[in-house]
Amino acid sequence: MTDASIPTSAAPAPPVQKRTGRRLVSRLVPVATTLLCLLIWEAAVRLLKVPVFMLPPPSAVLHEVVAQHAYFLKNAIATAWAVILGFVLAVLVGVPMATVMVYSKTFSEAIHPVLITAQVLPKVALAPLFIVWFGFGLLPKVIMTFLIAFFPIVIDTLTGLMAVRPESLMLIRSMGGNRWQAFWKVRLPTALPSMFAGFKVAMTFAVVGAIVAEFVASDSGLGYVLVEARANLSMVTVFAAITWLIVMGFAFYYVVEVAERMFLKGRSRKHGQELGAGL
């Protein structure tokens, strides 16, 4: 055998193509599954002649979504503001609180029963009180969203901050690092995956919280649309509003997921440079 008979094609190409194919399949499978379920739903409703006021076909729901897009968009924006403000408030309060709980055992023991109590309280029962205290509008929705999204952020942030290895903290101290440097260079990078897991859970909870508040304490939003449509026995409008809610929930979830990827990638790169340069 001569050297000329040895293949010279690049070996890494097939694995790259294989990874691309797997990635494409992983993205197409959920879409195909959803379309299949919708087709089965459409066929079942039409073959069984189910009345529209009981279960509308997906085609009727899609027509309602498109035909009344301005109406749904206006109310979706109202719900989105409550979700965003409540979630941001939960992050701004929850992350610092979890940090203080790590460094202060007294504060942690004092606040833990309050956190558990706030979590187990039925939020729907609080909604009528919010009407009395805050009236209708954006404020009660933001408070309800905050209360529902707050707990997973605190718990997951606390779990992440406590998961740091003692050896890493001892290494920072042996190099002359203070408590702030230990937090910034060790605890926070270790906690980020857990924190973002809590953020993603909290974001989905925030959407639920906004809708719960709109059920009983609002004159706008997709939750309000659901209540009005149910009262008028308009199942097409109910399912159209649910469709908007699903799209909104996915959008918010993936915004957090994209932020997680970008932030963790940038943070790991910066963390590696800092460790390479030393304290």
C-alpha atoms as a PDB file:
ATOM      1  CA  MET A   1       0.000   0.000   0.000  1.00  0.00           C
ATOM      2  CA  THR A   2       1.408   3.416  -0.942  1.00  0.00           C
ATOM      3  CA  ASP A   3       0.982   6.730   0.766  1.00  0.00           C
ATOM      4  CA  ALA A   4      -1.249   7.864  -2.079  1.00  0.00           C
ATOM      5  CA  SER A   5      -3.823   5.221  -1.153  1.00  0.00           C
ATOM      6  CA  ILE A   6      -4.293   6.625   2.358  1.00  0.00           C
ATOM      7  CA  PRO A   7      -7.527   8.663   2.498  1.00  0.00           C
ATOM      8  CA  THR A   8      -6.934  12.324   3.213  1.00  0.00           C
ATOM      9  CA  SER A   9     -10.520  13.426   3.885  1.00  0.00           C
ATOM     10  CA  ALA A  10     -11.095  15.328   7.108  1.00  0.00           C
ATOM     11  CA  ALA A  11     -12.192  12.954   9.861  1.00  0.00           C
ATOM     12  CA  PRO A  12     -14.133  15.443  12.034  1.00  0.00           C
ATOM     13  CA  ALA A  13     -16.696  16.190   9.290  1.00  0.00           C
ATOM     14  CA  PRO A  14     -19.026  13.202   9.872  1.00  0.00           C
ATOM     15  CA  PRO A  15     -19.330  13.840  13.636  1.00  0.00           C
ATOM     16  CA  VAL A  16     -20.165  17.491  12.948  1.00  0.00           C
ATOM     17  CA  GLN A  17     -22.811  16.489  10.421  1.00  0.00           C
ATOM     18  CA  LYS A  18     -24.156  13.911  12.852  1.00  0.00           C
ATOM     19  CA  ARG A  19     -24.429  16.488  15.643  1.00  0.00           C
ATOM     20  CA  THR A  20     -26.184  18.903  13.290  1.00  0.00           C
ATOM     21  CA  GLY A  21     -28.644  16.194  12.299  1.00  0.00           C
ATOM     22  CA  ARG A  22     -29.371  15.282  15.911  1.00  0.00           C
ATOM     23  CA  ARG A  23     -29.886  18.940  16.787  1.00  0.00           C
ATOM     24  CA  LEU A  24     -32.303  19.368  13.890  1.00  0.00           C
ATOM     25  CA  VAL A  25     -34.246  16.253  14.873  1.00  0.00           C
ATOM     26  CA  SER A  26     -34.435  17.350  18.518  1.00  0.00           C
ATOM     27  CA  ARG A  27     -35.992  20.634  17.399  1.00  0.00           C
ATOM     28  CA  LEU A  28     -38.396  19.111  14.891  1.00  0.00           C
ATOM     29  CA  VAL A  29     -39.749  16.354  17.151  1.00  0.00           C
ATOM     30  CA  PRO A  30     -41.614  18.702  19.559  1.00  0.00           C
ATOM     31  CA  VAL A  31     -43.066  20.653  16.617  1.00  0.00           C
ATOM     32  CA  ALA A  32     -44.182  17.472  14.865  1.00  0.00           C
ATOM     33  CA  THR A  33     -45.693  16.097  18.084  1.00  0.00           C
ATOM     34  CA  THR A  34     -47.642  19.307  18.662  1.00  0.00           C
ATOM     35  CA  LEU A  35     -48.951  19.347  15.084  1.00  0.00           C
ATOM     36  CA  LEU A  36     -49.979  15.691  15.365  1.00  0.00           C
ATOM     37  CA  CYS A  37     -51.926  16.378  18.572  1.00  0.00           C
ATOM     38  CA  LEU A  38     -53.669  19.341  16.937  1.00  0.00           C
ATOM     39  CA  LEU A  39     -54.608  17.237  13.900  1.00  0.00           C
ATOM     40  CA  ILE A  40     -56.035  14.501  16.134  1.00  0.00           C
ATOM     41  CA  TRP A  41     -57.969  17.131  18.098  1.00  0.00           C
ATOM     42  CA  GLU A  42     -59.342  18.687  14.887  1.00  0.00           C
ATOM     43  CA  ALA A  43     -60.353  15.334  13.429  1.00  0.00           C
ATOM     44  CA  ALA A  44     -61.963  14.093  16.652  1.00  0.00           C
ATOM     45  CA  VAL A  45     -64.058  17.238  17.104  1.00  0.00           C
ATOM     46  CA  ARG A  46     -65.309  17.158  13.510  1.00  0.00           C
ATOM     47  CA  LEU A  47     -65.928  13.403  13.302  1.00  0.00           C
ATOM     48  CA  LEU A  48     -67.732  13.267  16.648  1.00  0.00           C
ATOM     49  CA  LYS A  49     -69.586  16.524  15.882  1.00  0.00           C
ATOM     50  CA  VAL A  50     -68.674  18.058  19.231  1.00  0.00           C
ATOM     51  CA  PRO A  51     -70.474  21.406  19.697  1.00  0.00           C
ATOM     52  CA  VAL A  52     -68.225  24.463  19.465  1.00  0.00           C
ATOM     53  CA  PHE A  53     -69.472  25.770  22.814  1.00  0.00           C
ATOM     54  CA  MET A  54     -68.074  22.612  24.440  1.00  0.00           C
ATOM     55  CA  LEU A  55     -64.790  22.073  22.584  1.00  0.00           C
ATOM     56  CA  PRO A  56     -63.875  24.194  19.551  1.00  0.00           C
ATOM     57  CA  PRO A  57     -61.553  22.763  16.873  1.00  0.00           C
ATOM     58  CA  PRO A  58     -58.029  24.188  16.607  1.00  0.00           C
ATOM     59  CA  SER A  59     -58.912  25.819  13.271  1.00  0.00           C
ATOM     60  CA  ALA A  60     -61.646  27.885  14.964  1.00  0.00           C
ATOM     61  CA  VAL A  61     -59.268  28.832  17.776  1.00  0.00           C
ATOM     62  CA  LEU A  62     -56.606  29.901  15.278  1.00  0.00           C
ATOM     63  CA  HIS A  63     -59.164  32.005  13.407  1.00  0.00           C
ATOM     64  CA  GLU A  64     -60.137  33.718  16.671  1.00  0.00           C
ATOM     65  CA  VAL A  65     -56.490  34.351  17.567  1.00  0.00           C
ATOM     66  CA  VAL A  66     -55.877  36.035  14.215  1.00  0.00           C
ATOM     67  CA  ALA A  67     -59.212  37.847  13.883  1.00  0.00           C
ATOM     68  CA  GLN A  68     -59.068  39.342  17.389  1.00  0.00           C
ATOM     69  CA  HIS A  69     -55.306  39.804  17.560  1.00  0.00           C
ATOM     70  CA  ALA A  70     -55.523  43.489  18.561  1.00  0.00           C
ATOM     71  CA  TYR A  71     -57.835  42.683  21.478  1.00  0.00           C
ATOM     72  CA  PHE A  72     -55.670  39.812  22.689  1.00  0.00           C
ATOM     73  CA  LEU A  73     -52.445  41.761  22.198  1.00  0.00           C
ATOM     74  CA  LYS A  74     -53.700  44.653  24.328  1.00  0.00           C
ATOM     75  CA  ASN A  75     -54.594  42.318  27.186  1.00  0.00           C
ATOM     76  CA  ALA A  76     -51.441  40.219  26.722  1.00  0.00           C
ATOM     77  CA  ILE A  77     -49.344  43.356  27.197  1.00  0.00           C
ATOM     78  CA  ALA A  78     -51.191  44.090  30.449  1.00  0.00           C
ATOM     79  CA  THR A  79     -50.433  40.575  31.695  1.00  0.00           C
ATOM     80  CA  ALA A  80     -46.831  40.744  30.491  1.00  0.00           C
ATOM     81  CA  TRP A  81     -46.165  43.907  32.501  1.00  0.00           C
ATOM     82  CA  ALA A  82     -47.396  42.209  35.675  1.00  0.00           C
ATOM     83  CA  VAL A  83     -45.230  39.149  34.948  1.00  0.00           C
ATOM     84  CA  ILE A  84     -42.084  41.170  34.223  1.00  0.00           C
ATOM     85  CA  LEU A  85     -42.407  43.540  37.177  1.00  0.00           C
ATOM     86  CA  GLY A  86     -43.307  40.778  39.622  1.00  0.00           C
ATOM     87  CA  PHE A  87     -40.458  38.556  38.429  1.00  0.00           C
ATOM     88  CA  VAL A  88     -37.868  41.352  38.534  1.00  0.00           C
ATOM     89  CA  LEU A  89     -39.021  42.310  42.034  1.00  0.00           C
ATOM     90  CA  ALA A  90     -38.747  38.675  43.134  1.00  0.00           C
ATOM     91  CA  VAL A  91     -35.171  38.508  41.808  1.00  0.00           C
ATOM     92  CA  LEU A  92     -34.166  41.827  43.389  1.00  0.00           C
ATOM     93  CA  VAL A  93     -35.487  40.724  46.786  1.00  0.00           C
ATOM     94  CA  GLY A  94     -34.889  36.969  46.628  1.00  0.00           C
ATOM     95  CA  VAL A  95     -31.221  36.872  45.618  1.00  0.00           C
ATOM     96  CA  PRO A  96     -29.989  39.333  48.303  1.00  0.00           C
ATOM     97  CA  MET A  97     -32.143  37.590  50.916  1.00  0.00           C
ATOM     98  CA  ALA A  98     -30.619  34.202  50.065  1.00  0.00           C
ATOM     99  CA  THR A  99     -27.145  35.753  50.229  1.00  0.00           C
ATOM    100  CA  VAL A 100     -27.795  37.159  53.702  1.00  0.00           C
ATOM    101  CA  MET A 101     -29.164  33.776  54.792  1.00  0.00           C
ATOM    102  CA  VAL A 102     -25.847  32.165  53.816  1.00  0.00           C
ATOM    103  CA  TYR A 103     -23.780  34.525  55.967  1.00  0.00           C
ATOM    104  CA  SER A 104     -26.181  35.000  58.892  1.00  0.00           C
ATOM    105  CA  LYS A 105     -27.490  31.918  60.657  1.00  0.00           C
ATOM    106  CA  THR A 106     -29.669  34.066  62.922  1.00  0.00           C
ATOM    107  CA  PHE A 107     -31.354  35.756  59.969  1.00  0.00           C
ATOM    108  CA  SER A 108     -31.780  32.406  58.212  1.00  0.00           C
ATOM    109  CA  GLU A 109     -33.485  30.835  61.234  1.00  0.00           C
ATOM    110  CA  ALA A 110     -35.709  33.883  61.670  1.00  0.00           C
ATOM    111  CA  ILE A 111     -36.821  34.194  58.046  1.00  0.00           C
ATOM    112  CA  HIS A 112     -37.284  30.502  57.245  1.00  0.00           C
ATOM    113  CA  PRO A 113     -40.710  30.157  58.942  1.00  0.00           C
ATOM    114  CA  VAL A 114     -41.867  33.323  57.179  1.00  0.00           C
ATOM    115  CA  LEU A 115     -40.827  31.915  53.799  1.00  0.00           C
ATOM    116  CA  ILE A 116     -42.605  28.616  54.410  1.00  0.00           C
ATOM    117  CA  THR A 117     -45.743  30.396  55.619  1.00  0.00           C
ATOM    118  CA  ALA A 118     -45.787  32.682  52.587  1.00  0.00           C
ATOM    119  CA  GLN A 119     -45.389  29.688  50.284  1.00  0.00           C
ATOM    120  CA  VAL A 120     -48.115  27.478  51.767  1.00  0.00           C
ATOM    121  CA  LEU A 121     -50.697  30.267  51.958  1.00  0.00           C
ATOM    122  CA  PRO A 122     -53.292  29.813  49.191  1.00  0.00           C
ATOM    123  CA  LYS A 123     -52.662  32.774  46.904  1.00  0.00           C
ATOM    124  CA  VAL A 124     -56.203  32.718  45.502  1.00  0.00           C
ATOM    125  CA  ALA A 125     -57.502  33.399  49.010  1.00  0.00           C
ATOM    126  CA  LEU A 126     -55.284  36.485  49.222  1.00  0.00           C
ATOM    127  CA  ALA A 127     -56.541  37.983  45.961  1.00  0.00           C
ATOM    128  CA  PRO A 128     -59.789  39.415  47.433  1.00  0.00           C
ATOM    129  CA  LEU A 129     -57.734  41.066  50.179  1.00  0.00           C
ATOM    130  CA  PHE A 130     -55.552  42.697  47.546  1.00  0.00           C
ATOM    131  CA  ILE A 131     -58.670  44.249  46.015  1.00  0.00           C
ATOM    132  CA  VAL A 132     -59.531  45.817  49.378  1.00  0.00           C
ATOM    133  CA  TRP A 133     -55.981  46.964  50.083  1.00  0.00           C
ATOM    134  CA  PHE A 134     -54.761  47.999  46.632  1.00  0.00           C
ATOM    135  CA  GLY A 135     -57.838  48.203  44.418  1.00  0.00           C
ATOM    136  CA  PHE A 136     -57.917  47.131  40.783  1.00  0.00           C
ATOM    137  CA  GLY A 137     -55.073  47.681  38.355  1.00  0.00           C
ATOM    138  CA  LEU A 138     -51.435  46.698  38.026  1.00  0.00           C
ATOM    139  CA  LEU A 139     -50.271  46.786  41.665  1.00  0.00           C
ATOM    140  CA  PRO A 140     -52.229  43.776  43.031  1.00  0.00           C
ATOM    141  CA  LYS A 141     -51.148  41.709  40.017  1.00  0.00           C
ATOM    142  CA  VAL A 142     -47.488  42.586  40.576  1.00  0.00           C
ATOM    143  CA  ILE A 143     -47.728  41.694  44.276  1.00  0.00           C
ATOM    144  CA  MET A 144     -49.415  38.359  43.524  1.00  0.00           C
ATOM    145  CA  THR A 145     -46.805  37.561  40.870  1.00  0.00           C
ATOM    146  CA  PHE A 146     -44.010  38.479  43.277  1.00  0.00           C
ATOM    147  CA  LEU A 147     -45.389  36.239  46.035  1.00  0.00           C
ATOM    148  CA  ILE A 148     -45.622  33.214  43.744  1.00  0.00           C
ATOM    149  CA  ALA A 149     -42.257  33.722  42.002  1.00  0.00           C
ATOM    150  CA  PHE A 150     -40.318  34.664  45.127  1.00  0.00           C
ATOM    151  CA  PHE A 151     -39.968  31.275  46.848  1.00  0.00           C
ATOM    152  CA  PRO A 152     -38.168  29.236  44.134  1.00  0.00           C
ATOM    153  CA  ILE A 153     -35.700  32.075  43.586  1.00  0.00           C
ATOM    154  CA  VAL A 154     -34.756  32.217  47.270  1.00  0.00           C
ATOM    155  CA  ILE A 155     -34.521  28.450  47.726  1.00  0.00           C
ATOM    156  CA  ASP A 156     -32.561  27.709  44.543  1.00  0.00           C
ATOM    157  CA  THR A 157     -30.199  30.638  45.105  1.00  0.00           C
ATOM    158  CA  LEU A 158     -29.619  29.527  48.689  1.00  0.00           C
ATOM    159  CA  THR A 159     -28.998  25.947  47.546  1.00  0.00           C
ATOM    160  CA  GLY A 160     -26.477  27.099  44.961  1.00  0.00           C
ATOM    161  CA  LEU A 161     -24.614  29.393  47.340  1.00  0.00           C
ATOM    162  CA  MET A 162     -24.376  26.627  49.947  1.00  0.00           C
ATOM    163  CA  ALA A 163     -23.150  24.047  47.413  1.00  0.00           C
ATOM    164  CA  VAL A 164     -19.643  25.495  47.218  1.00  0.00           C
ATOM    165  CA  ARG A 165     -16.856  23.118  48.263  1.00  0.00           C
ATOM    166  CA  PRO A 166     -15.091  24.064  51.520  1.00  0.00           C
ATOM    167  CA  GLU A 167     -11.737  23.447  49.807  1.00  0.00           C
ATOM    168  CA  SER A 168     -12.452  26.268  47.348  1.00  0.00           C
ATOM    169  CA  LEU A 169     -13.215  28.705  50.166  1.00  0.00           C
ATOM    170  CA  MET A 170     -10.074  27.639  52.027  1.00  0.00           C
ATOM    171  CA  LEU A 171      -8.024  28.215  48.872  1.00  0.00           C
ATOM    172  CA  ILE A 172      -9.349  31.768  48.528  1.00  0.00           C
ATOM    173  CA  ARG A 173      -8.603  32.497  52.191  1.00  0.00           C
ATOM    174  CA  SER A 174      -5.110  31.014  51.924  1.00  0.00           C
ATOM    175  CA  MET A 175      -4.415  33.419  49.066  1.00  0.00           C
ATOM    176  CA  GLY A 176      -5.447  36.378  51.210  1.00  0.00           C
ATOM    177  CA  GLY A 177      -8.959  36.772  49.828  1.00  0.00           C
ATOM    178  CA  ASN A 178     -11.698  38.352  51.929  1.00  0.00           C
ATOM    179  CA  ARG A 179     -15.345  37.354  52.264  1.00  0.00           C
ATOM    180  CA  TRP A 180     -16.450  39.484  49.312  1.00  0.00           C
ATOM    181  CA  GLN A 181     -13.812  37.940  47.042  1.00  0.00           C
ATOM    182  CA  ALA A 182     -14.825  34.466  48.191  1.00  0.00           C
ATOM    183  CA  PHE A 183     -18.432  35.276  47.317  1.00  0.00           C
ATOM    184  CA  TRP A 184     -17.663  36.834  43.946  1.00  0.00           C
ATOM    185  CA  LYS A 185     -15.031  34.333  42.770  1.00  0.00           C
ATOM    186  CA  VAL A 186     -16.310  31.092  44.315  1.00  0.00           C
ATOM    187  CA  ARG A 187     -19.841  31.155  45.698  1.00  0.00           C
ATOM    188  CA  LEU A 188     -21.553  33.101  42.919  1.00  0.00           C
ATOM    189  CA  PRO A 189     -20.057  31.147  39.977  1.00  0.00           C
ATOM    190  CA  THR A 190     -20.942  27.902  41.751  1.00  0.00           C
ATOM    191  CA  ALA A 191     -24.493  29.090  42.424  1.00  0.00           C
ATOM    192  CA  LEU A 192     -25.308  30.425  38.941  1.00  0.00           C
ATOM    193  CA  PRO A 193     -26.692  27.170  37.446  1.00  0.00           C
ATOM    194  CA  SER A 194     -28.932  26.659  40.464  1.00  0.00           C
ATOM    195  CA  MET A 195     -29.983  30.323  40.421  1.00  0.00           C
ATOM    196  CA  PHE A 196     -31.021  30.194  36.780  1.00  0.00           C
ATOM    197  CA  ALA A 197     -32.919  26.973  37.409  1.00  0.00           C
ATOM    198  CA  GLY A 198     -34.856  28.887  40.047  1.00  0.00           C
ATOM    199  CA  PHE A 199     -35.336  31.817  37.661  1.00  0.00           C
ATOM    200  CA  LYS A 200     -36.872  29.550  35.016  1.00  0.00           C
ATOM    201  CA  VAL A 201     -39.253  27.962  37.497  1.00  0.00           C
ATOM    202  CA  ALA A 202     -40.111  31.374  38.931  1.00  0.00           C
ATOM    203  CA  MET A 203     -40.828  32.801  35.482  1.00  0.00           C
ATOM    204  CA  THR A 204     -43.425  30.124  34.757  1.00  0.00           C
ATOM    205  CA  PHE A 205     -44.893  30.680  38.230  1.00  0.00           C
ATOM    206  CA  ALA A 206     -44.985  34.416  37.535  1.00  0.00           C
ATOM    207  CA  VAL A 207     -47.272  33.881  34.547  1.00  0.00           C
ATOM    208  CA  VAL A 208     -49.569  31.763  36.715  1.00  0.00           C
ATOM    209  CA  GLY A 209     -49.503  34.408  39.452  1.00  0.00           C
ATOM    210  CA  ALA A 210     -50.505  37.176  37.075  1.00  0.00           C
ATOM    211  CA  ILE A 211     -53.417  35.124  35.730  1.00  0.00           C
ATOM    212  CA  VAL A 212     -54.611  34.205  39.234  1.00  0.00           C
ATOM    213  CA  ALA A 213     -54.637  37.890  40.168  1.00  0.00           C
ATOM    214  CA  GLU A 214     -56.498  38.808  36.986  1.00  0.00           C
ATOM    215  CA  PHE A 215     -59.172  36.245  37.726  1.00  0.00           C
ATOM    216  CA  VAL A 216     -60.364  38.197  40.757  1.00  0.00           C
ATOM    217  CA  ALA A 217     -58.597  41.565  40.940  1.00  0.00           C
ATOM    218  CA  SER A 218     -58.260  43.077  37.485  1.00  0.00           C
ATOM    219  CA  ASP A 219     -60.133  44.806  34.703  1.00  0.00           C
ATOM    220  CA  SER A 220     -57.587  43.902  32.000  1.00  0.00           C
ATOM    221  CA  GLY A 221     -55.212  41.115  31.020  1.00  0.00           C
ATOM    222  CA  LEU A 222     -55.583  37.615  29.628  1.00  0.00           C
ATOM    223  CA  GLY A 223     -56.936  36.329  32.935  1.00  0.00           C
ATOM    224  CA  TYR A 224     -59.688  38.933  32.734  1.00  0.00           C
ATOM    225  CA  VAL A 225     -60.383  37.824  29.137  1.00  0.00           C
ATOM    226  CA  LEU A 226     -60.749  34.225  30.343  1.00  0.00           C
ATOM    227  CA  VAL A 227     -63.242  35.237  33.030  1.00  0.00           C
ATOM    228  CA  GLU A 228     -65.320  37.308  30.600  1.00  0.00           C
ATOM    229  CA  ALA A 229     -65.270  34.608  27.909  1.00  0.00           C
ATOM    230  CA  ARG A 230     -66.272  31.915  30.376  1.00  0.00           C
ATOM    231  CA  ALA A 231     -69.175  34.057  31.608  1.00  0.00           C
ATOM    232  CA  ASN A 232     -70.335  34.481  27.992  1.00  0.00           C
ATOM    233  CA  LEU A 233     -69.849  30.751  27.251  1.00  0.00           C
ATOM    234  CA  SER A 234     -67.431  31.633  24.441  1.00  0.00           C
ATOM    235  CA  MET A 235     -65.154  28.607  24.449  1.00  0.00           C
ATOM    236  CA  VAL A 236     -63.415  29.779  21.276  1.00  0.00           C
ATOM    237  CA  THR A 237     -62.288  32.944  23.067  1.00  0.00           C
ATOM    238  CA  VAL A 238     -61.272  30.901  26.121  1.00  0.00           C
ATOM    239  CA  PHE A 239     -59.015  28.647  24.051  1.00  0.00           C
ATOM    240  CA  ALA A 240     -57.665  31.607  22.085  1.00  0.00           C
ATOM    241  CA  ALA A 241     -56.682  33.334  25.341  1.00  0.00           C
ATOM    242  CA  ILE A 242     -55.085  30.097  26.553  1.00  0.00           C
ATOM    243  CA  THR A 243     -53.116  29.953  23.292  1.00  0.00           C
ATOM    244  CA  TRP A 244     -51.798  33.462  23.899  1.00  0.00           C
ATOM    245  CA  LEU A 245     -50.865  32.460  27.452  1.00  0.00           C
ATOM    246  CA  ILE A 246     -48.953  29.414  26.240  1.00  0.00           C
ATOM    247  CA  VAL A 247     -47.028  31.486  23.705  1.00  0.00           C
ATOM    248  CA  MET A 248     -46.272  34.113  26.358  1.00  0.00           C
ATOM    249  CA  GLY A 249     -45.098  31.483  28.842  1.00  0.00           C
ATOM    250  CA  PHE A 250     -42.770  29.875  26.302  1.00  0.00           C
ATOM    251  CA  ALA A 251     -41.409  33.267  25.259  1.00  0.00           C
ATOM    252  CA  PHE A 252     -40.595  34.317  28.828  1.00  0.00           C
ATOM    253  CA  TYR A 253     -39.083  30.917  29.628  1.00  0.00           C
ATOM    254  CA  TYR A 254     -36.780  30.990  26.608  1.00  0.00           C
ATOM    255  CA  VAL A 255     -35.730  34.566  27.319  1.00  0.00           C
ATOM    256  CA  VAL A 256     -34.457  33.372  30.705  1.00  0.00           C
ATOM    257  CA  GLU A 257     -32.865  30.314  29.102  1.00  0.00           C
ATOM    258  CA  VAL A 258     -31.017  32.420  26.515  1.00  0.00           C
ATOM    259  CA  ALA A 259     -29.865  34.784  29.267  1.00  0.00           C
ATOM    260  CA  GLU A 260     -28.620  31.752  31.215  1.00  0.00           C
ATOM    261  CA  ARG A 261     -26.539  30.501  28.298  1.00  0.00           C
ATOM    262  CA  MET A 262     -25.050  33.916  27.579  1.00  0.00           C
ATOM    263  CA  PHE A 263     -24.376  34.756  31.220  1.00  0.00           C
ATOM    264  CA  LEU A 264     -22.874  31.399  32.165  1.00  0.00           C
ATOM    265  CA  LYS A 265     -20.644  31.373  29.097  1.00  0.00           C
ATOM    266  CA  GLY A 266     -19.385  34.897  29.766  1.00  0.00           C
ATOM    267  CA  ARG A 267     -19.022  34.289  33.485  1.00  0.00           C
ATOM    268  CA  SER A 268     -17.068  31.045  33.062  1.00  0.00           C
ATOM    269  CA  ARG A 269     -14.686  32.760  30.642  1.00  0.00           C
ATOM    270  CA  LYS A 270     -14.158  35.685  33.008  1.00  0.00           C
ATOM    271  CA  HIS A 271     -13.818  33.358  36.000  1.00  0.00           C
ATOM    272  CA  GLY A 272     -11.118  31.383  34.222  1.00  0.00           C
ATOM    273  CA  GLN A 273      -9.194  34.554  33.411  1.00  0.00           C
ATOM    274  CA  GLU A 274      -9.447  35.726  37.025  1.00  0.00           C
ATOM    275  CA  LEU A 275      -8.188  32.424  38.389  1.00  0.00           C
ATOM    276  CA  GLY A 276      -5.362  32.456  35.871  1.00  0.00           C
ATOM    277  CA  ALA A 277      -4.352  35.956  36.932  1.00  0.00           C
ATOM    278  CA  GLY A 278      -4.764  35.141  40.631  1.00  0.00           C
ATOM    279  CA  LEU A 279      -6.346  37.356  43.216  1.00  0.00           C
END
